[in-house]
Amino acid sequence: MGGPWASQDPVAERTSRPQGPTALRIVLGTQLRRLREARGLTAAAAGHAIRASHAKISRMELGRVSFKHRDVADLLTLYGVTDADERQAFLALLQRANVPGWWHQYSDLVPSWFETYLGLEQASSVIRTYQPHTVPELLQSRDVARALIQLNHPNASADDIDRRVTLRLTRQQVLIQPAAPNLWAVIDESALWRSDRRSAMRAQIQHLIEMTKLPNITLQVLPIRSSTYAAVEGPFTILRFSEPDLPDIVYLEHLTSALYLDKIQDVEHYLLAMDRLCIQAQPPAQASTFLRNTLDKF
């Protein structure tokens, strides 16, 4: 087994993924930042030109907000972009970036900080995740997804629970679409036993066995006896994209918020942590056998 993004880097072998609105906003923001820096302008100066604060410019350049046509047009003028075709290319990108994603219909249930993740997940070429407590959401069976959602939202109505389950299962479709991203998941063995319903966990393990048959899914199980988990603070996900303007992003989810890390030193820290986990975990080739042996214990 090579390193996580090593010479066998799945990104190099994948067809480019279609870019959703979240990814497109980041691409547009990155291009605007480069234009601003090339002109030697500060974020404050750019903000003043569009009647906004430097903080808004920062959010735009990070792709954290939708774009107004007038703001982008004014910034292009400020940055010296006067060629009609070039301006039109930017404005066409803006239109695509402002189209709501399919998850917009769940905006009453999904916080804005998680909507960002949904967009990045859909646009990614490689998803690497470590989950010490639960099966990754993209690999959860319907019953396990419902049980975990009910646990995390004890006061939600039955209708809201149903919609949240549908949202999670819809997310999973990304793994079987054309040019689907590679998912490389490391889970703790104890996650396979966390249920008060044996039938639910049996179905979950059978689902994992089926999912590992897909060529774009790699699963490793970290044995309970391993002490590696003690050196890792908690679950994390690393996203990589085929779009060159999108950096690798580390996603850290909390109860009421999330962190998105894209600085090289931060990403490298988590890549090294993932390397250690992959070395300590069962090799991918043994995943199906390990899961079948676990199934026999139920």
Protein backbone atom coordinates (compact mmCIF):
# COMPACT_ATOMS: atom_id res chain seq x y z
CA MET A 1 0.00 0.00 0.00
CA GLY A 2 1.42 3.36 -1.00
CA GLY A 3 1.06 6.68 0.75
CA PRO A 4 -2.32 8.38 0.75
CA TRP A 5 -1.59 10.62 -2.22
CA ALA A 6 1.53 8.80 -3.36
CA SER A 7 2.53 7.53 -6.80
CA GLN A 8 -0.75 5.64 -6.87
CA ASP A 9 -2.61 8.88 -6.27
CA PRO A 10 -6.21 8.21 -7.30
CA VAL A 11 -6.65 11.81 -8.43
CA ALA A 12 -4.28 11.29 -11.34
CA GLU A 13 -6.42 8.39 -12.57
CA ARG A 14 -9.86 9.95 -12.18
CA THR A 15 -11.93 11.82 -14.73
CA SER A 16 -12.47 15.42 -13.71
CA ARG A 17 -15.53 15.79 -11.51
CA PRO A 18 -18.29 18.24 -12.45
CA GLN A 19 -17.89 21.28 -10.28
CA GLY A 20 -20.89 22.24 -8.12
CA PRO A 21 -21.71 25.76 -6.91
CA THR A 22 -19.55 25.59 -3.76
CA ALA A 23 -16.46 24.60 -5.69
CA LEU A 24 -17.19 27.16 -8.40
CA ARG A 25 -17.48 29.93 -5.80
CA ILE A 26 -14.06 29.00 -4.47
CA VAL A 27 -12.62 28.97 -7.99
CA LEU A 28 -14.13 32.36 -8.79
CA GLY A 29 -12.97 33.77 -5.46
CA THR A 30 -9.44 32.48 -6.02
CA GLN A 31 -9.28 34.07 -9.46
CA LEU A 32 -10.53 37.40 -8.10
CA ARG A 33 -7.91 37.29 -5.34
CA ARG A 34 -5.16 36.70 -7.89
CA LEU A 35 -6.36 39.64 -9.97
CA ARG A 36 -6.44 41.89 -6.88
CA GLU A 37 -2.96 40.87 -5.77
CA ALA A 38 -1.59 41.33 -9.31
CA ARG A 39 -2.80 44.95 -9.15
CA GLY A 40 -1.21 45.43 -5.73
CA LEU A 41 -4.53 46.27 -4.08
CA THR A 42 -5.52 45.49 -0.52
CA ALA A 43 -8.78 43.81 0.41
CA ALA A 44 -9.83 47.06 2.06
CA ALA A 45 -9.29 49.01 -1.19
CA ALA A 46 -11.26 46.43 -3.15
CA GLY A 47 -14.03 46.51 -0.59
CA HIS A 48 -14.23 50.30 -0.79
CA ALA A 49 -14.65 50.07 -4.57
CA ILE A 50 -17.78 47.93 -4.22
CA ARG A 51 -19.14 49.73 -1.15
CA ALA A 52 -18.27 46.86 1.17
CA SER A 53 -15.80 45.94 3.92
CA HIS A 54 -12.53 44.09 3.55
CA ALA A 55 -14.24 41.22 5.42
CA LYS A 56 -16.72 40.80 2.57
CA ILE A 57 -13.88 40.70 0.05
CA SER A 58 -12.23 38.02 2.16
CA ARG A 59 -15.44 35.96 2.25
CA MET A 60 -15.85 36.36 -1.50
CA GLU A 61 -12.27 35.29 -2.19
CA LEU A 62 -12.73 32.23 0.03
CA GLY A 63 -15.93 31.33 -1.77
CA ARG A 64 -17.96 31.52 1.43
CA VAL A 65 -20.75 33.73 0.04
CA SER A 66 -22.74 34.06 -3.16
CA PHE A 67 -21.66 36.74 -5.64
CA LYS A 68 -23.60 39.75 -6.86
CA HIS A 69 -23.28 40.54 -10.56
CA ARG A 70 -22.59 44.23 -9.89
CA ASP A 71 -19.89 43.49 -7.32
CA VAL A 72 -17.96 41.17 -9.63
CA ALA A 73 -18.36 43.54 -12.59
CA ASP A 74 -17.04 46.45 -10.51
CA LEU A 75 -14.11 44.39 -9.24
CA LEU A 76 -13.19 43.31 -12.75
CA THR A 77 -13.12 46.96 -13.80
CA LEU A 78 -11.00 47.84 -10.76
CA TYR A 79 -8.59 45.03 -11.59
CA GLY A 80 -8.21 46.16 -15.19
CA VAL A 81 -10.15 43.35 -16.84
CA THR A 82 -11.69 45.21 -19.79
CA ASP A 83 -11.71 42.59 -22.55
CA ALA A 84 -15.36 41.75 -23.25
CA ASP A 85 -14.79 38.00 -23.71
CA GLU A 86 -12.72 37.73 -20.53
CA ARG A 87 -15.32 39.63 -18.52
CA GLN A 88 -18.08 37.44 -19.93
CA ALA A 89 -16.18 34.31 -18.90
CA PHE A 90 -16.04 35.58 -15.31
CA LEU A 91 -19.71 36.53 -15.29
CA ALA A 92 -20.71 33.16 -16.76
CA LEU A 93 -18.77 31.46 -13.97
CA LEU A 94 -20.59 33.71 -11.49
CA GLN A 95 -23.97 32.53 -12.81
CA ARG A 96 -23.01 28.88 -12.43
CA ALA A 97 -21.59 29.51 -8.96
CA ASN A 98 -24.86 31.07 -7.79
CA VAL A 99 -27.07 28.16 -8.86
CA PRO A 100 -28.36 26.44 -5.68
CA GLY A 101 -27.12 22.90 -5.10
CA TRP A 102 -29.55 19.98 -4.85
CA TRP A 103 -29.25 20.18 -1.05
CA HIS A 104 -30.81 23.64 -1.06
CA GLN A 105 -34.22 22.02 -0.49
CA TYR A 106 -32.93 20.95 2.92
CA SER A 107 -31.69 24.41 3.92
CA ASP A 108 -34.21 24.55 6.76
CA LEU A 109 -32.50 21.53 8.31
CA VAL A 110 -28.88 22.01 7.31
CA PRO A 111 -26.74 24.77 8.88
CA SER A 112 -24.80 26.98 6.48
CA TRP A 113 -21.45 25.63 7.69
CA PHE A 114 -22.52 22.11 6.66
CA GLU A 115 -23.94 23.25 3.32
CA THR A 116 -20.39 24.26 2.44
CA TYR A 117 -19.20 20.74 3.16
CA LEU A 118 -21.96 19.18 1.08
CA GLY A 119 -20.86 21.25 -1.90
CA LEU A 120 -17.21 20.33 -1.45
CA GLU A 121 -18.04 16.65 -0.98
CA GLN A 122 -19.99 16.60 -4.23
CA ALA A 123 -17.12 18.24 -6.14
CA SER A 124 -14.25 16.21 -4.67
CA SER A 125 -12.10 13.73 -6.55
CA VAL A 126 -10.81 12.00 -3.42
CA ILE A 127 -12.40 11.80 0.01
CA ARG A 128 -10.25 10.41 2.83
CA THR A 129 -11.84 10.09 6.23
CA TYR A 130 -11.05 8.70 9.66
CA GLN A 131 -14.03 7.87 11.86
CA PRO A 132 -13.25 6.46 15.31
CA HIS A 133 -16.81 6.29 16.64
CA THR A 134 -19.24 5.67 13.77
CA VAL A 135 -19.36 4.29 10.25
CA PRO A 136 -18.71 7.18 7.80
CA GLU A 137 -21.96 8.81 6.70
CA LEU A 138 -21.31 7.98 3.05
CA LEU A 139 -21.19 4.28 3.97
CA GLN A 140 -24.03 4.07 6.47
CA SER A 141 -26.98 1.77 5.92
CA ARG A 142 -30.46 3.29 6.11
CA ASP A 143 -31.20 1.87 9.58
CA VAL A 144 -27.90 2.98 11.09
CA ALA A 145 -28.23 6.42 9.51
CA ARG A 146 -31.72 6.79 10.98
CA ALA A 147 -30.60 5.64 14.44
CA LEU A 148 -27.68 8.09 14.54
CA ILE A 149 -29.81 10.96 13.23
CA GLN A 150 -32.45 10.29 15.89
CA LEU A 151 -29.72 10.21 18.53
CA ASN A 152 -28.31 13.56 17.41
CA HIS A 153 -31.72 15.21 16.93
CA PRO A 154 -33.88 13.87 19.78
CA ASN A 155 -36.47 16.64 19.49
CA ALA A 156 -36.91 16.50 15.72
CA SER A 157 -40.26 15.57 14.24
CA ALA A 158 -40.77 12.29 12.41
CA ASP A 159 -40.96 14.22 9.13
CA ASP A 160 -37.67 16.00 9.81
CA ILE A 161 -36.01 12.68 10.66
CA ASP A 162 -37.25 11.20 7.39
CA ARG A 163 -35.91 14.17 5.43
CA ARG A 164 -32.53 14.00 7.16
CA VAL A 165 -32.29 10.30 6.32
CA THR A 166 -33.18 11.04 2.71
CA LEU A 167 -30.53 13.75 2.59
CA ARG A 168 -27.86 11.34 3.86
CA LEU A 169 -28.84 8.59 1.44
CA THR A 170 -28.92 11.09 -1.43
CA ARG A 171 -25.40 12.18 -0.55
CA GLN A 172 -24.27 8.57 -0.91
CA GLN A 173 -25.28 8.58 -4.57
CA VAL A 174 -22.10 10.53 -5.32
CA LEU A 175 -20.17 7.27 -4.91
CA ILE A 176 -21.93 5.53 -7.79
CA GLN A 177 -22.20 8.42 -10.26
CA PRO A 178 -20.02 8.67 -13.38
CA ALA A 179 -16.51 9.84 -12.47
CA ALA A 180 -17.35 9.17 -8.82
CA PRO A 181 -14.76 10.29 -6.27
CA ASN A 182 -12.46 7.80 -4.58
CA LEU A 183 -13.46 7.23 -0.97
CA TRP A 184 -10.73 5.97 1.35
CA ALA A 185 -12.11 5.39 4.84
CA VAL A 186 -10.43 4.25 8.04
CA ILE A 187 -12.84 3.27 10.77
CA ASP A 188 -12.30 2.01 14.28
CA GLU A 189 -13.37 -1.58 14.87
CA SER A 190 -15.51 -0.45 17.79
CA ALA A 191 -17.72 1.50 15.36
CA LEU A 192 -18.93 -1.84 14.04
CA TRP A 193 -20.39 -2.75 17.41
CA ARG A 194 -22.13 0.49 18.38
CA SER A 195 -25.78 -0.39 18.15
CA ASP A 196 -28.44 -1.80 20.45
CA ARG A 197 -29.91 -3.71 17.51
CA ARG A 198 -27.88 -6.66 16.29
CA SER A 199 -29.92 -6.89 13.10
CA ALA A 200 -29.09 -3.27 12.25
CA MET A 201 -25.38 -3.80 12.69
CA ARG A 202 -25.46 -7.04 10.71
CA ALA A 203 -27.13 -5.16 7.87
CA GLN A 204 -24.56 -2.37 8.21
CA ILE A 205 -21.61 -4.75 7.99
CA GLN A 206 -23.17 -6.51 5.00
CA HIS A 207 -23.61 -3.09 3.38
CA LEU A 208 -19.92 -2.31 3.98
CA ILE A 209 -18.93 -5.60 2.38
CA GLU A 210 -20.94 -4.71 -0.70
CA MET A 211 -19.53 -1.19 -0.85
CA THR A 212 -15.93 -2.44 -0.74
CA LYS A 213 -16.62 -4.23 -4.03
CA LEU A 214 -16.81 -0.85 -5.77
CA PRO A 215 -13.49 0.08 -7.43
CA ASN A 216 -13.54 3.61 -6.02
CA ILE A 217 -13.95 2.61 -2.37
CA THR A 218 -11.11 1.60 -0.07
CA LEU A 219 -11.90 0.62 3.51
CA GLN A 220 -9.54 -0.10 6.37
CA VAL A 221 -10.46 -1.16 9.88
CA LEU A 222 -8.35 -0.07 12.84
CA PRO A 223 -8.30 -2.94 15.35
CA ILE A 224 -9.39 -2.19 18.90
CA ARG A 225 -6.02 -3.33 20.16
CA SER A 226 -4.26 -0.54 18.27
CA SER A 227 -3.19 2.50 20.30
CA THR A 228 -2.91 4.82 17.29
CA TYR A 229 -6.28 6.40 17.98
CA ALA A 230 -4.83 7.96 21.14
CA ALA A 231 -2.58 10.15 18.99
CA VAL A 232 -5.47 11.42 16.87
CA GLU A 233 -7.77 14.05 18.35
CA GLY A 234 -10.94 12.85 16.64
CA PRO A 235 -12.63 12.27 13.29
CA PHE A 236 -11.50 14.23 10.26
CA THR A 237 -11.94 14.26 6.52
CA ILE A 238 -9.50 15.35 3.81
CA LEU A 239 -10.91 16.42 0.46
CA ARG A 240 -8.97 16.67 -2.77
CA PHE A 241 -10.21 18.13 -6.07
CA SER A 242 -9.36 17.80 -9.74
CA GLU A 243 -9.78 21.57 -10.16
CA PRO A 244 -6.27 23.08 -9.80
CA ASP A 245 -7.61 26.25 -8.15
CA LEU A 246 -9.03 24.21 -5.27
CA PRO A 247 -6.55 23.29 -2.52
CA ASP A 248 -6.80 20.17 -0.39
CA ILE A 249 -9.21 20.88 2.47
CA VAL A 250 -9.38 19.29 5.92
CA TYR A 251 -12.88 19.22 7.40
CA LEU A 252 -13.32 19.07 11.17
CA GLU A 253 -16.90 18.93 12.39
CA HIS A 254 -18.07 20.00 15.85
CA LEU A 255 -21.50 19.91 17.45
CA THR A 256 -22.53 23.38 16.28
CA SER A 257 -19.85 24.40 13.78
CA ALA A 258 -17.02 23.16 11.60
CA LEU A 259 -13.48 24.10 10.61
CA TYR A 260 -12.18 24.11 7.05
CA LEU A 261 -8.38 24.02 6.93
CA ASP A 262 -6.54 24.63 3.67
CA LYS A 263 -3.15 25.96 4.75
CA ILE A 264 -0.40 23.66 3.54
CA GLN A 265 1.06 23.07 7.01
CA ASP A 266 -2.34 22.16 8.45
CA VAL A 267 -3.18 19.80 5.60
CA GLU A 268 0.22 18.11 5.84
CA HIS A 269 -0.32 17.54 9.57
CA TYR A 270 -3.51 15.63 8.86
CA LEU A 271 -2.02 13.79 5.90
CA LEU A 272 0.70 12.47 8.21
CA ALA A 273 -1.91 11.48 10.76
CA MET A 274 -3.81 9.61 8.06
CA ASP A 275 -0.58 7.89 7.00
CA ARG A 276 -0.08 6.60 10.54
CA LEU A 277 -3.67 5.39 10.74
CA CYS A 278 -3.40 3.55 7.42
CA ILE A 279 -0.23 1.80 8.58
CA GLN A 280 -1.81 0.68 11.86
CA ALA A 281 -5.12 -0.39 10.30
CA GLN A 282 -5.82 -3.68 8.60
CA PRO A 283 -4.66 -3.60 4.95
CA PRO A 284 -7.45 -2.77 2.49
CA ALA A 285 -7.23 -6.24 0.94
CA GLN A 286 -8.24 -7.75 4.27
CA ALA A 287 -11.29 -5.53 4.82
CA SER A 288 -13.88 -7.91 3.40
CA THR A 289 -12.49 -10.89 5.32
CA PHE A 290 -12.35 -8.88 8.53
CA LEU A 291 -15.94 -7.74 8.06
CA ARG A 292 -17.18 -11.26 7.33
CA ASN A 293 -15.43 -12.57 10.44
CA THR A 294 -17.05 -9.80 12.46
CA LEU A 295 -20.42 -10.68 10.95
CA ASP A 296 -20.03 -14.25 12.18
CA LYS A 297 -19.77 -12.96 15.76
CA PHE A 298 -23.25 -11.42 15.73
